[in-house]
C-alpha atoms as a PDB file:
ATOM      1  CA  MET A   1      -0.070  -0.032  -0.124  1.00  0.00           C
ATOM      2  CA  ALA A   2       0.884   3.694  -0.237  1.00  0.00           C
ATOM      3  CA  ASN A   3      -0.042   7.018   0.770  1.00  0.00           C
ATOM      4  CA  LYS A   4      -1.420   9.931  -1.210  1.00  0.00           C
ATOM      5  CA  GLN A   5       2.019  11.436  -2.173  1.00  0.00           C
ATOM      6  CA  GLY A   6       3.116   8.039  -3.495  1.00  0.00           C
ATOM      7  CA  GLN A   7       5.467   6.832  -0.893  1.00  0.00           C
ATOM      8  CA  SER A   8       5.742   3.067  -0.389  1.00  0.00           C
ATOM      9  CA  PHE A   9       4.254   1.397   2.877  1.00  0.00           C
ATOM     10  CA  GLY A  10       7.119  -0.147   4.696  1.00  0.00           C
ATOM     11  CA  TYR A  11       9.754   0.599   7.291  1.00  0.00           C
ATOM     12  CA  ILE A  12      10.436   4.394   7.968  1.00  0.00           C
ATOM     13  CA  LYS A  13      13.468   5.420   9.837  1.00  0.00           C
ATOM     14  CA  LYS A  14      12.712   7.944  12.806  1.00  0.00           C
ATOM     15  CA  GLU A  15      14.008   8.394  16.032  1.00  0.00           C
ATOM     16  CA  SER A  16      11.241   7.455  18.570  1.00  0.00           C
ATOM     17  CA  PRO A  17      11.241   5.001  21.794  1.00  0.00           C
ATOM     18  CA  LEU A  18       9.400   2.511  19.608  1.00  0.00           C
ATOM     19  CA  HIS A  19      11.734   2.328  16.989  1.00  0.00           C
ATOM     20  CA  ARG A  20      14.798   2.069  19.424  1.00  0.00           C
ATOM     21  CA  LEU A  21      13.115  -1.062  21.123  1.00  0.00           C
ATOM     22  CA  SER A  22      14.364  -4.440  19.903  1.00  0.00           C
ATOM     23  CA  GLY A  23      12.783  -5.928  17.053  1.00  0.00           C
ATOM     24  CA  ALA A  24      12.257  -9.355  18.918  1.00  0.00           C
ATOM     25  CA  THR A  25      10.435  -6.980  21.594  1.00  0.00           C
ATOM     26  CA  LYS A  26       8.100  -5.616  19.166  1.00  0.00           C
ATOM     27  CA  LEU A  27       7.459  -8.969  17.806  1.00  0.00           C
ATOM     28  CA  ILE A  28       6.607 -10.695  20.843  1.00  0.00           C
ATOM     29  CA  ALA A  29       4.442  -7.569  21.945  1.00  0.00           C
ATOM     30  CA  PHE A  30       2.603  -7.549  18.904  1.00  0.00           C
ATOM     31  CA  ILE A  31       1.624 -11.223  19.056  1.00  0.00           C
ATOM     32  CA  LEU A  32       0.656 -11.507  22.752  1.00  0.00           C
ATOM     33  CA  LEU A  33      -1.268  -8.287  22.603  1.00  0.00           C
ATOM     34  CA  SER A  34      -3.287  -9.247  19.436  1.00  0.00           C
ATOM     35  CA  VAL A  35      -4.204 -12.542  20.339  1.00  0.00           C
ATOM     36  CA  ILE A  36      -5.515 -11.529  23.968  1.00  0.00           C
ATOM     37  CA  ALA A  37      -7.040  -8.218  21.878  1.00  0.00           C
ATOM     38  CA  MET A  38      -8.949 -10.635  19.227  1.00  0.00           C
ATOM     39  CA  THR A  39      -9.630 -13.246  21.845  1.00  0.00           C
ATOM     40  CA  SER A  40     -11.392 -11.012  24.731  1.00  0.00           C
ATOM     41  CA  TYR A  41     -14.962  -9.594  24.489  1.00  0.00           C
ATOM     42  CA  ASP A  42     -14.412  -7.436  27.762  1.00  0.00           C
ATOM     43  CA  THR A  43     -15.143  -4.021  26.514  1.00  0.00           C
ATOM     44  CA  ARG A  44     -13.574  -2.306  29.399  1.00  0.00           C
ATOM     45  CA  PHE A  45     -10.222  -4.046  28.865  1.00  0.00           C
ATOM     46  CA  LEU A  46     -10.479  -3.382  24.962  1.00  0.00           C
ATOM     47  CA  VAL A  47     -11.130   0.309  25.313  1.00  0.00           C
ATOM     48  CA  GLY A  48      -8.149   0.655  27.483  1.00  0.00           C
ATOM     49  CA  LEU A  49      -6.015  -1.468  24.944  1.00  0.00           C
ATOM     50  CA  ALA A  50      -7.304   0.984  22.123  1.00  0.00           C
ATOM     51  CA  VAL A  51      -6.213   3.777  23.886  1.00  0.00           C
ATOM     52  CA  LEU A  52      -2.924   2.521  24.611  1.00  0.00           C
ATOM     53  CA  SER A  53      -2.596   1.485  21.052  1.00  0.00           C
ATOM     54  CA  LEU A  54      -3.375   4.994  19.756  1.00  0.00           C
ATOM     55  CA  VAL A  55      -1.346   6.469  22.314  1.00  0.00           C
ATOM     56  CA  LEU A  56       1.815   4.326  21.108  1.00  0.00           C
ATOM     57  CA  PHE A  57       0.745   5.178  17.458  1.00  0.00           C
ATOM     58  CA  TYR A  58       1.357   8.893  18.564  1.00  0.00           C
ATOM     59  CA  ILE A  59       4.581   7.873  20.347  1.00  0.00           C
ATOM     60  CA  SER A  60       5.905   6.341  17.106  1.00  0.00           C
ATOM     61  CA  LYS A  61       5.698   9.854  15.215  1.00  0.00           C
ATOM     62  CA  ILE A  62       4.119   8.074  12.464  1.00  0.00           C
ATOM     63  CA  GLN A  63       2.384  10.530  10.259  1.00  0.00           C
ATOM     64  CA  TRP A  64      -1.058  10.291   9.098  1.00  0.00           C
ATOM     65  CA  THR A  65      -0.115  10.942   5.396  1.00  0.00           C
ATOM     66  CA  GLU A  66       2.213   7.822   5.779  1.00  0.00           C
ATOM     67  CA  VAL A  67      -0.688   5.791   6.395  1.00  0.00           C
ATOM     68  CA  SER A  68      -3.818   7.432   5.620  1.00  0.00           C
ATOM     69  CA  THR A  69      -4.476   5.052   2.751  1.00  0.00           C
ATOM     70  CA  VAL A  70      -3.861   1.798   4.047  1.00  0.00           C
ATOM     71  CA  VAL A  71      -6.046   2.954   7.175  1.00  0.00           C
ATOM     72  CA  TYR A  72      -8.982   3.639   4.610  1.00  0.00           C
ATOM     73  CA  PHE A  73      -8.471   0.329   2.944  1.00  0.00           C
ATOM     74  CA  ILE A  74      -8.937  -1.249   6.545  1.00  0.00           C
ATOM     75  CA  LEU A  75     -11.525   0.864   7.325  1.00  0.00           C
ATOM     76  CA  ILE A  76     -13.774  -0.116   4.398  1.00  0.00           C
ATOM     77  CA  PHE A  77     -13.308  -3.716   4.782  1.00  0.00           C
ATOM     78  CA  SER A  78     -13.908  -3.558   8.822  1.00  0.00           C
ATOM     79  CA  VAL A  79     -17.133  -1.845   7.963  1.00  0.00           C
ATOM     80  CA  LEU A  80     -18.107  -4.420   5.462  1.00  0.00           C
ATOM     81  CA  ASN A  81     -17.273  -6.969   8.032  1.00  0.00           C
ATOM     82  CA  LEU A  82     -19.869  -5.224  10.460  1.00  0.00           C
ATOM     83  CA  VAL A  83     -22.730  -5.066   8.014  1.00  0.00           C
ATOM     84  CA  THR A  84     -21.994  -8.823   6.965  1.00  0.00           C
ATOM     85  CA  VAL A  85     -22.166  -9.700  10.669  1.00  0.00           C
ATOM     86  CA  TYR A  86     -25.463  -8.335  11.176  1.00  0.00           C
ATOM     87  CA  ILE A  87     -26.761  -9.296   7.736  1.00  0.00           C
ATOM     88  CA  PHE A  88     -26.484 -13.043   8.389  1.00  0.00           C
ATOM     89  CA  GLU A  89     -26.615 -13.042  12.250  1.00  0.00           C
ATOM     90  CA  PRO A  90     -29.012 -10.070  13.431  1.00  0.00           C
ATOM     91  CA  GLU A  91     -29.882 -11.893  16.459  1.00  0.00           C
ATOM     92  CA  TYR A  92     -26.624 -13.466  17.368  1.00  0.00           C
ATOM     93  CA  GLY A  93     -25.824 -10.551  20.548  1.00  0.00           C
ATOM     94  CA  VAL A  94     -29.166 -11.589  21.664  1.00  0.00           C
ATOM     95  CA  ASN A  95     -28.296 -15.225  21.860  1.00  0.00           C
ATOM     96  CA  LEU A  96     -24.994 -14.472  23.234  1.00  0.00           C
ATOM     97  CA  TYR A  97     -25.880 -12.037  25.916  1.00  0.00           C
ATOM     98  CA  GLN A  98     -29.449 -13.834  26.753  1.00  0.00           C
ATOM     99  CA  SER A  99     -31.205 -10.719  26.781  1.00  0.00           C
ATOM    100  CA  ARG A 100     -33.308  -8.586  24.074  1.00  0.00           C
ATOM    101  CA  THR A 101     -33.714  -4.824  24.138  1.00  0.00           C
ATOM    102  CA  VAL A 102     -35.304  -3.520  20.931  1.00  0.00           C
ATOM    103  CA  ILE A 103     -34.219  -0.250  19.597  1.00  0.00           C
ATOM    104  CA  TRP A 104     -36.002  -0.426  16.319  1.00  0.00           C
ATOM    105  CA  GLU A 105     -38.375  -3.053  15.441  1.00  0.00           C
ATOM    106  CA  GLY A 106     -37.756  -4.117  11.679  1.00  0.00           C
ATOM    107  CA  VAL A 107     -38.958  -6.528   9.465  1.00  0.00           C
ATOM    108  CA  GLY A 108     -38.953 -10.290  10.482  1.00  0.00           C
ATOM    109  CA  ARG A 109     -35.806 -11.277  12.080  1.00  0.00           C
ATOM    110  CA  TYR A 110     -33.967  -7.688  11.074  1.00  0.00           C
ATOM    111  CA  SER A 111     -34.502  -5.777  14.371  1.00  0.00           C
ATOM    112  CA  LEU A 112     -32.112  -3.671  15.897  1.00  0.00           C
ATOM    113  CA  THR A 113     -31.084  -4.671  19.513  1.00  0.00           C
ATOM    114  CA  TRP A 114     -29.007  -2.993  22.216  1.00  0.00           C
ATOM    115  CA  GLU A 115     -27.534  -6.815  22.455  1.00  0.00           C
ATOM    116  CA  GLN A 116     -26.392  -6.699  18.768  1.00  0.00           C
ATOM    117  CA  VAL A 117     -25.203  -3.135  18.889  1.00  0.00           C
ATOM    118  CA  PHE A 118     -23.234  -3.872  21.849  1.00  0.00           C
ATOM    119  CA  TYR A 119     -21.449  -7.208  20.184  1.00  0.00           C
ATOM    120  CA  GLU A 120     -20.522  -5.067  17.155  1.00  0.00           C
ATOM    121  CA  PHE A 121     -19.268  -2.169  19.161  1.00  0.00           C
ATOM    122  CA  ASN A 122     -17.050  -4.851  20.695  1.00  0.00           C
ATOM    123  CA  LEU A 123     -15.810  -6.044  17.143  1.00  0.00           C
ATOM    124  CA  MET A 124     -15.103  -2.391  16.231  1.00  0.00           C
ATOM    125  CA  ILE A 125     -12.826  -1.842  19.319  1.00  0.00           C
ATOM    126  CA  LYS A 126     -11.114  -4.601  18.357  1.00  0.00           C
ATOM    127  CA  TYR A 127      -9.934  -2.982  15.383  1.00  0.00           C
ATOM    128  CA  PHE A 128      -9.074  -0.118  17.219  1.00  0.00           C
ATOM    129  CA  SER A 129      -6.728  -2.069  19.660  1.00  0.00           C
ATOM    130  CA  THR A 130      -4.946  -4.381  16.923  1.00  0.00           C
ATOM    131  CA  ILE A 131      -4.668  -2.063  13.543  1.00  0.00           C
ATOM    132  CA  PRO A 132      -2.516   0.743  15.318  1.00  0.00           C
ATOM    133  CA  LEU A 133      -0.234  -2.353  16.488  1.00  0.00           C
ATOM    134  CA  ALA A 134       0.106  -3.754  13.220  1.00  0.00           C
ATOM    135  CA  LEU A 135       1.040  -0.227  11.545  1.00  0.00           C
ATOM    136  CA  ILE A 136       3.429   0.298  14.328  1.00  0.00           C
ATOM    137  CA  PHE A 137       5.194  -2.801  14.213  1.00  0.00           C
ATOM    138  CA  MET A 138       5.506  -2.716  10.115  1.00  0.00           C
ATOM    139  CA  LEU A 139       6.684   0.907  10.090  1.00  0.00           C
ATOM    140  CA  THR A 140       8.823   1.037  12.940  1.00  0.00           C
ATOM    141  CA  THR A 141      11.056  -2.335  12.367  1.00  0.00           C
ATOM    142  CA  ASN A 142      13.793  -2.665  10.057  1.00  0.00           C
ATOM    143  CA  PRO A 143      13.238  -5.736   7.759  1.00  0.00           C
ATOM    144  CA  SER A 144      16.579  -7.233   8.705  1.00  0.00           C
ATOM    145  CA  GLU A 145      15.822  -6.875  12.303  1.00  0.00           C
ATOM    146  CA  PHE A 146      12.280  -8.259  11.598  1.00  0.00           C
ATOM    147  CA  ALA A 147      14.182 -11.297  10.500  1.00  0.00           C
ATOM    148  CA  SER A 148      16.580 -11.579  13.316  1.00  0.00           C
ATOM    149  CA  SER A 149      13.615 -11.329  15.794  1.00  0.00           C
ATOM    150  CA  LEU A 150      11.648 -14.168  13.976  1.00  0.00           C
ATOM    151  CA  ASN A 151      15.041 -15.986  14.361  1.00  0.00           C
ATOM    152  CA  ARG A 152      15.814 -15.234  18.230  1.00  0.00           C
ATOM    153  CA  ILE A 153      11.728 -16.460  18.728  1.00  0.00           C
ATOM    154  CA  GLY A 154      12.676 -20.013  17.168  1.00  0.00           C
ATOM    155  CA  VAL A 155      11.876 -19.703  13.457  1.00  0.00           C
ATOM    156  CA  SER A 156      14.495 -20.918  11.383  1.00  0.00           C
ATOM    157  CA  TYR A 157      16.917 -18.213   9.966  1.00  0.00           C
ATOM    158  CA  ARG A 158      16.235 -19.513   6.387  1.00  0.00           C
ATOM    159  CA  ILE A 159      12.426 -18.621   6.597  1.00  0.00           C
ATOM    160  CA  SER A 160      13.405 -15.564   8.567  1.00  0.00           C
ATOM    161  CA  TYR A 161      15.528 -14.694   5.405  1.00  0.00           C
ATOM    162  CA  ALA A 162      12.714 -15.424   3.263  1.00  0.00           C
ATOM    163  CA  VAL A 163      10.302 -13.019   4.911  1.00  0.00           C
ATOM    164  CA  SER A 164      13.136 -10.461   4.888  1.00  0.00           C
ATOM    165  CA  LEU A 165      13.435 -10.372   1.394  1.00  0.00           C
ATOM    166  CA  ALA A 166       9.655 -10.437   0.480  1.00  0.00           C
ATOM    167  CA  LEU A 167       9.474  -7.304   3.066  1.00  0.00           C
ATOM    168  CA  ARG A 168      11.949  -5.623   1.032  1.00  0.00           C
ATOM    169  CA  TYR A 169      10.581  -6.290  -2.425  1.00  0.00           C
ATOM    170  CA  ILE A 170       7.007  -5.006  -1.379  1.00  0.00           C
ATOM    171  CA  PRO A 171       8.116  -1.445  -1.318  1.00  0.00           C
ATOM    172  CA  ASP A 172      10.621  -2.006  -4.382  1.00  0.00           C
ATOM    173  CA  ILE A 173       7.777  -3.053  -6.529  1.00  0.00           C
ATOM    174  CA  GLN A 174       5.652  -0.125  -4.865  1.00  0.00           C
ATOM    175  CA  ASN A 175       8.132   2.334  -5.943  1.00  0.00           C
ATOM    176  CA  GLN A 176       8.408   0.813  -9.455  1.00  0.00           C
ATOM    177  CA  PHE A 177       4.543   0.912  -9.890  1.00  0.00           C
ATOM    178  CA  PHE A 178       4.432   4.578  -9.166  1.00  0.00           C
ATOM    179  CA  ALA A 179       7.414   5.444 -11.611  1.00  0.00           C
ATOM    180  CA  VAL A 180       5.653   3.478 -14.287  1.00  0.00           C
ATOM    181  CA  ARG A 181       2.191   5.042 -13.473  1.00  0.00           C
ATOM    182  CA  GLN A 182       3.789   8.515 -13.903  1.00  0.00           C
ATOM    183  CA  SER A 183       5.396   7.913 -17.069  1.00  0.00           C
ATOM    184  CA  GLN A 184       1.986   6.407 -18.326  1.00  0.00           C
ATOM    185  CA  GLN A 185       0.273   9.635 -17.429  1.00  0.00           C
ATOM    186  CA  ALA A 186       2.692  11.620 -19.087  1.00  0.00           C
ATOM    187  CA  ARG A 187       1.876   9.816 -22.147  1.00  0.00           C
ATOM    188  CA  GLY A 188      -1.588  10.776 -21.815  1.00  0.00           C
ATOM    189  CA  ILE A 189      -2.830   7.417 -20.076  1.00  0.00           C
ATOM    190  CA  GLU A 190      -4.836   8.629 -17.182  1.00  0.00           C
ATOM    191  CA  MET A 191      -4.457   6.286 -14.129  1.00  0.00           C
ATOM    192  CA  SER A 192      -5.503   8.718 -11.460  1.00  0.00           C
ATOM    193  CA  ASN A 193      -9.230   9.506  -9.775  1.00  0.00           C
ATOM    194  CA  LYS A 194      -9.896  11.420 -13.047  1.00  0.00           C
ATOM    195  CA  ALA A 195     -10.454   7.911 -14.665  1.00  0.00           C
ATOM    196  CA  GLY A 196     -13.202   5.695 -13.946  1.00  0.00           C
ATOM    197  CA  LEU A 197     -12.653   2.819 -11.450  1.00  0.00           C
ATOM    198  CA  THR A 198     -12.928   0.186 -14.036  1.00  0.00           C
ATOM    199  CA  GLU A 199     -10.277   1.901 -16.263  1.00  0.00           C
ATOM    200  CA  ARG A 200      -8.105   2.270 -13.520  1.00  0.00           C
ATOM    201  CA  VAL A 201      -8.107  -1.249 -12.435  1.00  0.00           C
ATOM    202  CA  LYS A 202      -7.771  -2.390 -15.620  1.00  0.00           C
ATOM    203  CA  ARG A 203      -4.517  -0.381 -16.424  1.00  0.00           C
ATOM    204  CA  SER A 204      -3.181  -1.008 -13.045  1.00  0.00           C
ATOM    205  CA  ALA A 205      -3.172  -4.824 -13.753  1.00  0.00           C
ATOM    206  CA  GLN A 206      -1.570  -3.932 -16.871  1.00  0.00           C
ATOM    207  CA  VAL A 207       1.328  -2.569 -14.856  1.00  0.00           C
ATOM    208  CA  ILE A 208       1.440  -4.651 -11.784  1.00  0.00           C
ATOM    209  CA  MET A 209       1.637  -8.260 -13.586  1.00  0.00           C
ATOM    210  CA  PRO A 210       4.850  -7.549 -15.407  1.00  0.00           C
ATOM    211  CA  LEU A 211       6.198  -5.901 -12.452  1.00  0.00           C
ATOM    212  CA  ILE A 212       5.535  -9.055 -10.459  1.00  0.00           C
ATOM    213  CA  PHE A 213       7.160 -11.174 -13.141  1.00  0.00           C
ATOM    214  CA  SER A 214      10.132  -9.148 -13.043  1.00  0.00           C
ATOM    215  CA  SER A 215      10.455  -9.335  -9.339  1.00  0.00           C
ATOM    216  CA  LEU A 216      10.200 -12.977  -9.350  1.00  0.00           C
ATOM    217  CA  ASP A 217      13.186 -13.127 -11.934  1.00  0.00           C
ATOM    218  CA  ARG A 218      15.298 -10.957  -9.758  1.00  0.00           C
ATOM    219  CA  ILE A 219      14.298 -13.081  -6.568  1.00  0.00           C
ATOM    220  CA  GLU A 220      15.726 -16.206  -8.858  1.00  0.00           C
ATOM    221  CA  VAL A 221      19.033 -14.230  -9.309  1.00  0.00           C
ATOM    222  CA  ILE A 222      19.397 -13.547  -5.648  1.00  0.00           C
ATOM    223  CA  SER A 223      18.632 -16.943  -4.646  1.00  0.00           C
ATOM    224  CA  GLN A 224      21.246 -18.173  -6.777  1.00  0.00           C
ATOM    225  CA  ALA A 225      23.871 -15.813  -5.561  1.00  0.00           C
ATOM    226  CA  MET A 226      22.976 -16.862  -2.075  1.00  0.00           C
ATOM    227  CA  GLU A 227      23.406 -20.231  -2.982  1.00  0.00           C
ATOM    228  CA  LEU A 228      26.902 -19.777  -4.425  1.00  0.00           C
ATOM    229  CA  ARG A 229      27.846 -18.102  -1.151  1.00  0.00           C
ATOM    230  CA  ARG A 230      26.626 -21.394   0.679  1.00  0.00           C
ATOM    231  CA  PHE A 231      24.027 -19.714   2.559  1.00  0.00           C
ATOM    232  CA  GLY A 232      21.755 -21.996   4.326  1.00  0.00           C
ATOM    233  CA  LYS A 233      24.632 -24.779   5.075  1.00  0.00           C
ATOM    234  CA  GLY A 234      25.010 -23.968   8.638  1.00  0.00           C
ATOM    235  CA  ASN A 235      22.696 -24.618  11.381  1.00  0.00           C
ATOM    236  CA  LYS A 236      22.774 -20.811  12.756  1.00  0.00           C
ATOM    237  CA  ARG A 237      23.851 -17.606  11.708  1.00  0.00           C
ATOM    238  CA  THR A 238      24.662 -13.991  13.249  1.00  0.00           C
ATOM    239  CA  TRP A 239      22.383 -10.947  12.278  1.00  0.00           C
ATOM    240  CA  TYR A 240      23.903  -7.704  11.643  1.00  0.00           C
ATOM    241  CA  ARG A 241      20.855  -5.799  12.574  1.00  0.00           C
ATOM    242  CA  ALA A 242      20.177  -7.995  15.789  1.00  0.00           C
ATOM    243  CA  ARG A 243      19.638  -5.428  18.815  1.00  0.00           C
ATOM    244  CA  PRO A 244      20.398  -6.774  22.296  1.00  0.00           C
ATOM    245  CA  PHE A 245      17.497  -6.456  25.001  1.00  0.00           C
ATOM    246  CA  MET A 246      18.010  -3.092  26.686  1.00  0.00           C
ATOM    247  CA  LYS A 247      16.309  -1.739  29.916  1.00  0.00           C
ATOM    248  CA  ALA A 248      13.088  -0.283  27.568  1.00  0.00           C
ATOM    249  CA  ASP A 249      12.653  -3.807  26.141  1.00  0.00           C
ATOM    250  CA  ILE A 250      12.513  -5.489  29.518  1.00  0.00           C
ATOM    251  CA  ILE A 251      10.019  -2.667  30.722  1.00  0.00           C
ATOM    252  CA  ALA A 252       7.772  -3.221  27.569  1.00  0.00           C
ATOM    253  CA  LEU A 253       7.933  -7.041  27.764  1.00  0.00           C
ATOM    254  CA  ILE A 254       6.663  -6.492  31.527  1.00  0.00           C
ATOM    255  CA  VAL A 255       3.927  -4.468  30.447  1.00  0.00           C
ATOM    256  CA  THR A 256       2.802  -6.489  27.749  1.00  0.00           C
ATOM    257  CA  GLY A 257       2.751  -9.533  30.106  1.00  0.00           C
ATOM    258  CA  PHE A 258       0.839  -7.604  32.746  1.00  0.00           C
ATOM    259  CA  LEU A 259      -1.826  -6.885  30.129  1.00  0.00           C
ATOM    260  CA  VAL A 260      -1.858 -10.127  29.216  1.00  0.00           C
ATOM    261  CA  VAL A 261      -2.420 -11.592  32.544  1.00  0.00           C
ATOM    262  CA  LEU A 262      -5.170  -9.062  32.836  1.00  0.00           C
ATOM    263  CA  GLY A 263      -7.180 -10.039  29.942  1.00  0.00           C
ATOM    264  CA  LEU A 264      -6.732 -13.898  31.039  1.00  0.00           C
ATOM    265  CA  TRP A 265      -7.887 -12.854  34.792  1.00  0.00           C
ATOM    266  CA  LEU A 266     -11.013 -11.027  33.381  1.00  0.00           C
ATOM    267  CA  PHE A 267     -12.082 -14.215  31.841  1.00  0.00           C
ATOM    268  CA  ARG A 268     -12.292 -15.790  35.361  1.00  0.00           C
ATOM    269  CA  VAL A 269     -14.128 -12.529  36.566  1.00  0.00           C
ATOM    270  CA  ASN A 270     -16.554 -12.705  33.495  1.00  0.00           C
ATOM    271  CA  GLN A 271     -16.752 -16.492  33.790  1.00  0.00           C
ATOM    272  CA  GLY A 272     -15.968 -16.647  29.983  1.00  0.00           C
ATOM    273  CA  ARG A 273     -14.511 -14.307  27.438  1.00  0.00           C
ATOM    274  CA  PHE A 274     -17.597 -12.023  27.103  1.00  0.00           C
ATOM    275  CA  TYR A 275     -18.596  -9.027  29.608  1.00  0.00           C
ATOM    276  CA  ASN A 276     -22.356  -8.916  29.903  1.00  0.00           C
ATOM    277  CA  PRO A 277     -23.624  -5.619  31.008  1.00  0.00           C
ATOM    278  CA  PHE A 278     -27.274  -6.838  30.622  1.00  0.00           C
ATOM    279  CA  HIS A 279     -27.382  -8.886  33.573  1.00  0.00           C
END
């Protein structure tokens, strides 16, 4: 994805407390917080986690223009998901909370209830809890450091290095796409918002497919060069971008652990994953 200015969506080097954290710390925190956020349906916990995520997003110094397009893209699919949930299961909240408080009496089973609104509100808060965390991790972690982080938590360094190469190629393909698009527009082939949606999709596909195939050829060249250098022969390897754990990393992991334990404790308090304010 890219923003309105045509910049690629990927690691952005800045000076912030989150940029200075180890990639392993950010990976562990992202996985644990995402899992507990997607598992829990305690509204109080999710709202607190969403506020924390937005505060961390602010601390990371990520600018809105750097993520606006991808955020809009995610929001569109999030709204579609909420609408789809209501269309297929308009009474799911009623069955879940064992209560029925009608706001609007509709046709057939399509009545609007506070229970359904509350359930879908929890789903929406989950997005605000996890999306900022994902953006922070992607934009503040160098691909090479991300690979070393995967290796540190037990993933094979061969797989870790493949992930690193993939993350490096995504911004590369984006930059080439923008360059080709500008060249096409200079020749009079409109690919901006001035053209219709169908035309834009068709012309973009004509540009993207050759770029993907050319990138696959480049990956083959790189893999052959790595084989010539005996990459993958050893059981372990060192990482140039690896960072040792510092005091800030320990504090971040302790806070993450506390939040996970708090979320699990609320399971016991609520006698399940769901917080029910209707009883």
